[in-house]
N, C-alpha and C. Protein backbone atom coordinates (compact mmCIF):
# COMPACT_ATOMS: atom_id res chain seq x y z
N MET A 1 0.77 -1.15 0.11
CA MET A 1 0.04 0.19 0.26
C MET A 1 0.99 1.01 0.19
N ASN A 2 0.47 2.27 -0.62
CA ASN A 2 1.13 3.63 -0.60
C ASN A 2 0.33 4.53 -0.28
N LEU A 3 0.80 5.58 0.51
CA LEU A 3 0.34 6.61 0.86
C LEU A 3 0.54 7.99 0.60
N ILE A 4 -0.33 8.98 0.51
CA ILE A 4 0.05 10.01 0.63
C ILE A 4 -0.29 11.28 1.71
N ILE A 5 0.35 11.88 2.36
CA ILE A 5 -0.28 12.22 3.86
C ILE A 5 0.27 13.74 3.78
N VAL A 6 -0.85 14.65 3.60
CA VAL A 6 -0.73 16.04 3.71
C VAL A 6 -1.37 16.82 5.11
N ALA A 7 -0.56 17.78 5.64
CA ALA A 7 -0.93 18.50 6.41
C ALA A 7 -0.62 19.89 6.71
N ASP A 8 -1.36 20.41 7.79
CA ASP A 8 -1.46 21.85 7.76
C ASP A 8 -1.52 21.73 9.32
N ARG A 9 -1.54 23.35 9.90
CA ARG A 9 -1.58 23.09 11.81
C ARG A 9 -2.68 22.71 11.86
N GLY A 10 -4.02 22.98 10.78
CA GLY A 10 -5.40 22.32 11.46
C GLY A 10 -5.52 20.75 11.43
N GLY A 11 -4.53 20.25 11.09
CA GLY A 11 -4.86 18.61 10.44
C GLY A 11 -3.91 18.11 9.90
N LEU A 12 -4.19 16.77 9.44
CA LEU A 12 -3.81 16.11 8.68
C LEU A 12 -4.92 15.01 8.02
N LYS A 13 -4.33 14.63 6.44
CA LYS A 13 -5.34 13.54 5.90
C LYS A 13 -4.58 12.88 4.92
N ALA A 14 -4.73 11.51 5.30
CA ALA A 14 -4.01 10.61 4.43
C ALA A 14 -5.04 9.93 3.44
N PHE A 15 -4.12 9.48 2.50
CA PHE A 15 -4.82 9.00 1.32
C PHE A 15 -4.02 7.48 0.68
N LYS A 16 -5.10 6.81 0.41
CA LYS A 16 -4.40 5.45 -0.36
C LYS A 16 -4.32 6.15 -1.65
N THR A 17 -2.99 5.30 -2.23
CA THR A 17 -3.26 5.48 -3.90
C THR A 17 -2.85 4.00 -4.63
N SER A 18 -3.51 3.80 -5.38
CA SER A 18 -3.27 2.37 -6.12
C SER A 18 -3.17 3.03 -7.71
N LYS A 19 -2.32 1.97 -8.55
CA LYS A 19 -2.37 1.56 -9.82
C LYS A 19 -3.61 0.83 -10.38
N GLU A 20 -4.52 0.90 -11.07
CA GLU A 20 -5.37 -0.32 -11.71
C GLU A 20 -5.29 -0.17 -13.03
N ARG A 21 -5.25 -0.58 -13.82
CA ARG A 21 -5.32 -0.83 -15.50
C ARG A 21 -4.67 0.58 -15.80
N ASP A 22 -3.29 1.02 -15.69
CA ASP A 22 -2.55 2.64 -15.80
C ASP A 22 -3.43 3.41 -15.54
N GLU A 23 -4.19 3.28 -14.50
CA GLU A 23 -4.75 4.39 -14.01
C GLU A 23 -4.89 4.77 -12.47
N LYS A 24 -4.58 5.51 -12.07
CA LYS A 24 -4.16 6.19 -10.47
C LYS A 24 -5.53 6.71 -10.01
N SER A 25 -5.45 5.72 -8.61
CA SER A 25 -6.83 6.37 -7.90
C SER A 25 -6.32 6.71 -6.71
N ILE A 26 -6.91 7.45 -6.12
CA ILE A 26 -6.84 8.13 -4.52
C ILE A 26 -7.82 7.74 -3.73
N GLU A 27 -7.60 8.10 -2.68
CA GLU A 27 -9.10 7.40 -1.76
C GLU A 27 -8.68 8.09 -0.06
N LEU A 28 -9.56 9.44 0.02
CA LEU A 28 -9.73 9.25 1.52
C LEU A 28 -9.36 7.95 2.80
N LEU A 29 -8.30 7.75 3.66
CA LEU A 29 -8.33 7.08 4.43
C LEU A 29 -8.68 7.20 5.86
N GLU A 30 -7.78 8.70 6.35
CA GLU A 30 -8.14 9.09 7.68
C GLU A 30 -7.64 10.62 7.31
N GLN A 31 -8.69 11.24 8.42
CA GLN A 31 -8.75 12.72 8.70
C GLN A 31 -8.44 13.15 9.97
N PHE A 32 -7.28 14.01 10.14
CA PHE A 32 -7.36 14.29 11.83
C PHE A 32 -7.44 16.01 11.72
N VAL A 33 -8.36 16.30 12.84
CA VAL A 33 -8.54 17.98 12.68
C VAL A 33 -7.70 18.21 14.36
N ILE A 34 -7.32 19.22 14.26
CA ILE A 34 -6.98 20.22 15.84
C ILE A 34 -7.84 21.24 15.87
N GLU A 35 -8.97 20.89 16.62
CA GLU A 35 -9.59 21.67 16.85
C GLU A 35 -9.66 22.71 17.04
N GLU A 36 -8.32 23.13 18.24
CA GLU A 36 -7.74 24.19 19.01
C GLU A 36 -7.40 25.28 17.57
N MET A 37 -6.64 24.69 16.19
CA MET A 37 -5.86 25.48 15.44
C MET A 37 -6.90 25.93 14.22
N LEU A 38 -8.58 25.99 14.43
CA LEU A 38 -9.35 26.24 13.55
C LEU A 38 -9.76 27.51 14.18
N GLY A 39 -10.27 28.28 12.87
CA GLY A 39 -10.27 29.44 13.04
C GLY A 39 -9.56 30.61 13.50
N ASP A 40 -9.70 31.86 13.79
CA ASP A 40 -9.05 33.21 14.02
C ASP A 40 -8.62 32.98 15.32
N PHE A 41 -6.83 32.59 15.49
CA PHE A 41 -6.62 32.92 16.78
C PHE A 41 -7.05 34.02 17.66
N SER A 42 -6.93 35.33 17.13
CA SER A 42 -7.29 36.45 17.87
C SER A 42 -8.66 36.45 18.27
N ASP A 43 -9.80 35.58 17.56
CA ASP A 43 -10.98 35.39 18.20
C ASP A 43 -11.21 34.75 19.57
N LYS A 44 -10.30 34.05 19.78
CA LYS A 44 -9.93 33.10 21.06
C LYS A 44 -9.47 33.74 21.95
N MET A 45 -8.60 34.67 21.83
CA MET A 45 -7.73 35.29 22.83
C MET A 45 -8.58 37.16 22.87
N SER A 46 -9.93 36.94 22.74
CA SER A 46 -10.20 38.28 22.85
C SER A 46 -11.07 38.84 23.92
N ASP A 47 -10.69 38.13 24.98
CA ASP A 47 -11.65 38.23 26.23
C ASP A 47 -10.41 39.87 27.48
N GLY A 48 -9.77 39.77 26.57
CA GLY A 48 -8.98 40.97 27.23
C GLY A 48 -7.94 40.67 28.36
N ALA A 49 -7.54 39.42 28.36
CA ALA A 49 -7.02 38.61 29.32
C ALA A 49 -5.38 38.71 28.72
N GLY A 50 -4.55 39.23 29.67
CA GLY A 50 -3.19 39.39 29.30
C GLY A 50 -3.13 40.98 29.16
N ASN A 51 -4.00 41.51 28.79
CA ASN A 51 -4.24 43.16 28.12
C ASN A 51 -3.45 44.04 29.21
N PHE A 52 -2.28 44.55 29.34
CA PHE A 52 -2.19 45.83 30.41
C PHE A 52 -2.28 47.11 29.94
N PRO A 53 -2.50 48.06 30.76
CA PRO A 53 -2.55 49.63 29.97
C PRO A 53 -1.28 49.94 29.81
N ILE A 54 -1.69 50.88 28.95
CA ILE A 54 -0.28 51.74 28.45
C ILE A 54 -0.40 52.65 28.83
N ASP A 55 0.71 52.92 29.69
CA ASP A 55 1.08 54.88 30.10
C ASP A 55 0.57 55.34 29.33
N GLY A 56 -0.10 56.59 29.82
CA GLY A 56 -0.31 57.89 28.96
C GLY A 56 -0.94 57.99 28.05
N THR A 57 -1.95 56.71 28.01
CA THR A 57 -3.51 56.66 27.22
C THR A 57 -4.59 56.62 28.21
N ALA A 58 -4.67 57.13 29.31
CA ALA A 58 -5.82 57.74 30.21
C ALA A 58 -6.78 56.03 30.59
N GLY A 59 -6.01 55.25 30.42
CA GLY A 59 -6.49 53.48 30.24
C GLY A 59 -7.55 53.67 29.51
N LYS A 60 -6.91 53.63 28.41
CA LYS A 60 -7.99 53.65 27.13
C LYS A 60 -7.09 52.79 26.42
N GLY A 61 -5.71 52.49 26.38
CA GLY A 61 -4.63 51.70 25.32
C GLY A 61 -4.41 50.52 25.95
N HIS A 62 -4.08 49.45 25.66
CA HIS A 62 -4.06 48.39 26.08
C HIS A 62 -2.72 47.66 25.19
N ALA A 63 -2.10 46.95 25.73
CA ALA A 63 -0.84 46.30 25.58
C ALA A 63 -1.08 44.43 25.61
N ALA A 64 -0.71 43.84 23.95
CA ALA A 64 -1.22 42.13 24.42
C ALA A 64 0.38 41.52 24.85
N SER A 65 0.55 41.73 26.35
CA SER A 65 1.62 41.36 26.26
C SER A 65 1.86 39.61 26.39
N GLU A 66 0.99 38.72 26.35
CA GLU A 66 0.94 37.25 26.18
C GLU A 66 0.74 36.75 25.13
N LYS A 67 0.17 37.35 24.29
CA LYS A 67 -0.64 36.63 22.96
C LYS A 67 0.54 35.70 21.92
N MET A 68 1.68 36.83 21.81
CA MET A 68 2.46 35.94 21.32
C MET A 68 3.18 34.69 21.41
N THR A 69 3.45 34.52 22.93
CA THR A 69 4.04 33.44 23.52
C THR A 69 2.63 32.36 24.08
N ILE A 70 1.35 32.73 23.67
CA ILE A 70 0.19 31.92 24.02
C ILE A 70 -0.02 31.32 22.40
N LYS A 71 0.16 32.11 21.43
CA LYS A 71 0.03 31.62 20.27
C LYS A 71 0.75 30.48 20.18
N THR A 72 2.69 30.89 20.15
CA THR A 72 3.64 30.08 19.66
C THR A 72 3.05 28.84 20.85
N GLU A 73 2.58 28.82 21.77
CA GLU A 73 2.75 27.45 22.85
C GLU A 73 1.41 26.77 21.41
N HIS A 74 0.33 27.04 21.19
CA HIS A 74 -0.96 26.92 20.47
C HIS A 74 -0.22 25.85 19.34
N GLU A 75 0.56 26.92 18.49
CA GLU A 75 1.30 26.11 17.19
C GLU A 75 2.20 24.81 17.74
N LYS A 76 3.10 25.28 18.55
CA LYS A 76 4.02 24.05 19.27
C LYS A 76 2.73 22.59 19.39
N ARG A 77 2.24 22.70 19.98
CA ARG A 77 0.92 21.89 20.47
C ARG A 77 0.54 21.37 19.42
N ALA A 78 0.37 22.04 18.15
CA ALA A 78 -0.34 21.56 17.11
C ALA A 78 0.39 20.80 16.01
N VAL A 79 1.85 20.78 16.43
CA VAL A 79 2.64 20.25 16.13
C VAL A 79 2.62 18.96 16.20
N LYS A 80 3.13 19.12 17.60
CA LYS A 80 3.24 17.67 18.39
C LYS A 80 1.95 17.10 18.36
N LYS A 81 1.17 17.50 17.81
CA LYS A 81 -0.52 16.34 17.40
C LYS A 81 -0.56 15.75 16.23
N LEU A 82 0.04 16.84 15.32
CA LEU A 82 0.56 16.02 13.99
C LEU A 82 1.70 15.38 14.10
N ILE A 83 2.37 15.28 14.56
CA ILE A 83 3.46 14.10 14.72
C ILE A 83 2.59 12.87 15.34
N LYS A 84 2.30 13.09 16.42
CA LYS A 84 1.13 11.66 16.64
C LYS A 84 0.53 11.08 16.03
N ASP A 85 -0.28 11.98 15.41
CA ASP A 85 -1.38 11.34 13.88
C ASP A 85 -0.75 10.97 13.24
N LEU A 86 0.58 11.66 12.81
CA LEU A 86 1.34 11.05 11.65
C LEU A 86 1.60 9.18 12.24
N GLU A 87 2.23 9.56 13.06
CA GLU A 87 2.86 7.84 13.75
C GLU A 87 1.97 6.74 13.86
N ILE A 88 0.36 7.32 13.86
CA ILE A 88 -0.53 6.18 14.50
C ILE A 88 -0.95 6.09 12.97
N VAL A 89 -1.30 7.01 11.97
CA VAL A 89 -1.10 6.26 10.68
C VAL A 89 -0.68 5.73 10.39
N LEU A 90 0.80 5.66 10.11
CA LEU A 90 2.13 5.10 9.31
C LEU A 90 2.33 3.76 10.07
N LYS A 91 1.61 3.35 11.77
CA LYS A 91 2.03 2.09 12.15
C LYS A 91 0.66 1.27 11.91
N LYS A 92 -0.46 2.15 11.94
CA LYS A 92 -1.03 1.41 11.28
C LYS A 92 -1.73 1.22 9.84
N HIS A 93 -1.52 1.16 8.66
CA HIS A 93 -1.24 0.97 7.53
C HIS A 93 -0.09 0.76 6.81
N GLN A 94 1.06 1.00 7.88
CA GLN A 94 2.47 0.04 7.59
C GLN A 94 2.65 -0.03 5.81
N PRO A 95 2.54 1.36 5.20
CA PRO A 95 2.84 1.78 3.89
C PRO A 95 4.19 1.01 3.14
N SER A 96 4.36 0.49 1.92
CA SER A 96 5.15 0.14 1.78
C SER A 96 6.26 1.37 1.00
N VAL A 97 5.74 2.59 0.80
CA VAL A 97 5.93 3.42 0.54
C VAL A 97 5.22 4.71 0.92
N TRP A 98 5.35 6.12 1.58
CA TRP A 98 4.59 6.92 1.55
C TRP A 98 5.52 8.38 1.08
N ASP A 99 4.19 9.18 1.03
CA ASP A 99 4.71 10.52 0.51
C ASP A 99 4.32 11.98 1.44
N PHE A 100 4.78 12.71 1.58
CA PHE A 100 4.42 13.63 2.65
C PHE A 100 4.38 15.02 2.49
N SER A 101 3.53 15.92 2.32
CA SER A 101 3.61 17.12 2.12
C SER A 101 3.16 18.15 3.75
N ALA A 102 3.84 19.15 3.55
CA ALA A 102 2.79 20.29 4.77
C ALA A 102 3.89 21.80 4.25
N SER A 103 3.08 22.53 4.84
CA SER A 103 3.89 23.99 4.62
C SER A 103 5.57 23.93 4.85
N PRO A 104 6.37 24.95 4.64
CA PRO A 104 7.31 24.96 5.02
C PRO A 104 7.59 25.40 6.54
N ASP A 105 6.62 26.00 6.89
CA ASP A 105 7.00 26.31 8.55
C ASP A 105 6.67 25.25 9.85
N ILE A 106 6.06 24.16 9.17
CA ILE A 106 6.16 22.87 9.85
C ILE A 106 6.65 21.77 9.45
N ASN A 107 7.03 21.68 8.21
CA ASN A 107 7.47 20.12 7.42
C ASN A 107 8.21 19.73 8.48
N GLY A 108 9.45 20.95 8.31
CA GLY A 108 11.09 20.17 8.79
C GLY A 108 10.20 19.64 10.61
N ALA A 109 9.37 20.71 11.24
CA ALA A 109 9.58 20.21 13.08
C ALA A 109 8.72 18.94 12.69
N ILE A 110 7.78 18.16 12.34
CA ILE A 110 7.51 17.32 12.01
C ILE A 110 8.48 16.30 11.37
N LEU A 111 8.72 15.89 10.33
CA LEU A 111 9.42 14.96 10.19
C LEU A 111 10.96 15.04 11.09
N ASP A 112 11.23 16.26 11.42
CA ASP A 112 12.51 15.66 12.51
C ASP A 112 12.03 15.26 13.78
N HIS A 113 10.78 15.38 14.05
CA HIS A 113 10.62 14.56 15.04
C HIS A 113 10.04 13.18 15.37
N LEU A 114 9.43 12.76 13.86
CA LEU A 114 8.80 11.88 13.88
C LEU A 114 10.03 10.63 13.82
N GLU A 115 9.16 9.20 14.95
CA GLU A 115 10.27 8.29 15.23
C GLU A 115 11.38 7.68 13.41
N THR A 116 12.01 7.55 13.80
CA THR A 116 13.35 7.46 12.87
C THR A 116 12.65 6.01 12.42
N SER A 117 12.21 5.52 12.62
CA SER A 117 11.80 4.07 11.70
C SER A 117 10.83 3.99 10.94
N LEU A 118 10.11 4.97 11.10
CA LEU A 118 9.14 5.35 10.15
C LEU A 118 9.47 6.19 9.05
N LYS A 119 10.66 6.68 9.42
CA LYS A 119 10.70 7.84 7.88
C LYS A 119 11.37 6.62 7.05
N THR A 120 11.85 5.45 7.20
CA THR A 120 12.54 4.82 6.39
C THR A 120 12.09 4.39 4.74
N HIS A 121 10.34 4.37 5.03
CA HIS A 121 9.68 4.14 3.54
C HIS A 121 9.12 5.52 2.99
N LEU A 122 9.91 6.76 3.24
CA LEU A 122 9.53 8.31 2.81
C LEU A 122 9.82 8.41 1.29
N ARG A 123 8.99 8.50 0.67
CA ARG A 123 9.67 8.84 -0.83
C ARG A 123 9.71 10.00 -1.53
N HIS A 124 8.77 10.73 -1.21
CA HIS A 124 8.85 12.30 -1.82
C HIS A 124 8.54 13.03 -0.58
N ASN A 125 9.08 14.34 -0.25
CA ASN A 125 8.48 15.20 0.71
C ASN A 125 8.40 16.65 0.47
N LEU A 126 7.36 16.88 0.16
CA LEU A 126 7.08 18.41 -0.40
C LEU A 126 6.86 19.37 0.63
N LYS A 127 7.50 20.59 0.19
CA LYS A 127 7.73 21.42 0.71
C LYS A 127 6.13 22.01 0.76
N LYS A 128 4.73 21.79 0.84
CA LYS A 128 3.77 22.87 0.18
C LYS A 128 2.65 22.70 1.27
N ASP A 129 1.83 23.14 1.20
CA ASP A 129 0.78 22.79 2.08
C ASP A 129 -0.35 22.59 1.07
N LEU A 130 -1.16 21.37 0.77
CA LEU A 130 -1.58 20.72 -0.04
C LEU A 130 -3.08 20.24 0.75
N MET A 131 -3.16 20.71 1.70
CA MET A 131 -4.21 20.19 2.30
C MET A 131 -5.85 20.55 1.72
N LYS A 132 -5.98 21.25 0.63
CA LYS A 132 -6.81 21.96 0.41
C LYS A 132 -6.99 21.70 -1.30
N THR A 133 -5.89 21.00 -1.82
CA THR A 133 -6.00 20.30 -3.00
C THR A 133 -6.99 19.32 -3.24
N PRO A 134 -7.63 19.38 -4.54
CA PRO A 134 -8.63 18.66 -4.75
C PRO A 134 -7.87 16.82 -5.11
N LEU A 135 -8.75 16.15 -5.10
CA LEU A 135 -8.40 14.97 -5.05
C LEU A 135 -7.35 14.32 -6.54
N GLY A 136 -8.13 15.15 -7.17
CA GLY A 136 -7.90 14.68 -9.03
C GLY A 136 -6.33 15.32 -9.42
N GLU A 137 -5.77 16.41 -8.42
CA GLU A 137 -4.55 16.58 -8.62
C GLU A 137 -3.79 16.77 -7.67
N MET A 138 -4.07 15.71 -6.44
CA MET A 138 -3.14 15.52 -5.34
C MET A 138 -1.95 14.46 -5.77
N VAL A 139 -1.97 13.70 -6.60
CA VAL A 139 -1.09 12.69 -7.06
C VAL A 139 -0.01 13.34 -8.27
N SER A 140 -0.80 14.38 -8.93
CA SER A 140 0.48 14.87 -9.71
C SER A 140 1.62 15.65 -9.19
N HIS A 141 1.17 15.89 -7.52
CA HIS A 141 2.21 16.99 -6.93
C HIS A 141 3.35 16.11 -6.69
N PHE A 142 2.96 14.91 -6.34
CA PHE A 142 4.35 13.75 -5.66
C PHE A 142 4.81 13.34 -7.49
N GLU A 143 4.22 12.92 -8.47
CA GLU A 143 4.97 12.64 -9.33
C GLU A 143 5.76 13.45 -9.56
N HIS A 144 5.94 14.71 -9.62
CA HIS A 144 6.67 15.60 -10.23
C HIS A 144 8.10 15.68 -9.45
N ALA A 145 7.84 15.06 -8.13
CA ALA A 145 8.81 15.88 -7.11
C ALA A 145 10.16 15.06 -7.39
């Protein structure tokens, strides 16, 4: 079995690929969603927590002192979850070869922390976000890698 696995901060999709009578087919096997990464981060942090008055604004201006730290922590958790989900897929399906794609900002972090034994059958690694790519176009991205 061959797999194509694509990921972004919001989740991961695993596809089974096969070739029958000179035609390639692709089928969604599993999808993992990281709920806390969906939506706009600023909407989740809009309660004013961590905002502190700025001197000289008569109490009307506020500085967001912790938002970047919290956002960074959420992103780190998302990457850890993606690694765990990827390991689940690879151990469950044990592909003969697999292809992977994730945006450049998380691609290396995911593969660097993936169990070494699971990387042995990695064929192609694309630093692209293909999560919203139509199924009909998915395989072609890896054929020309």
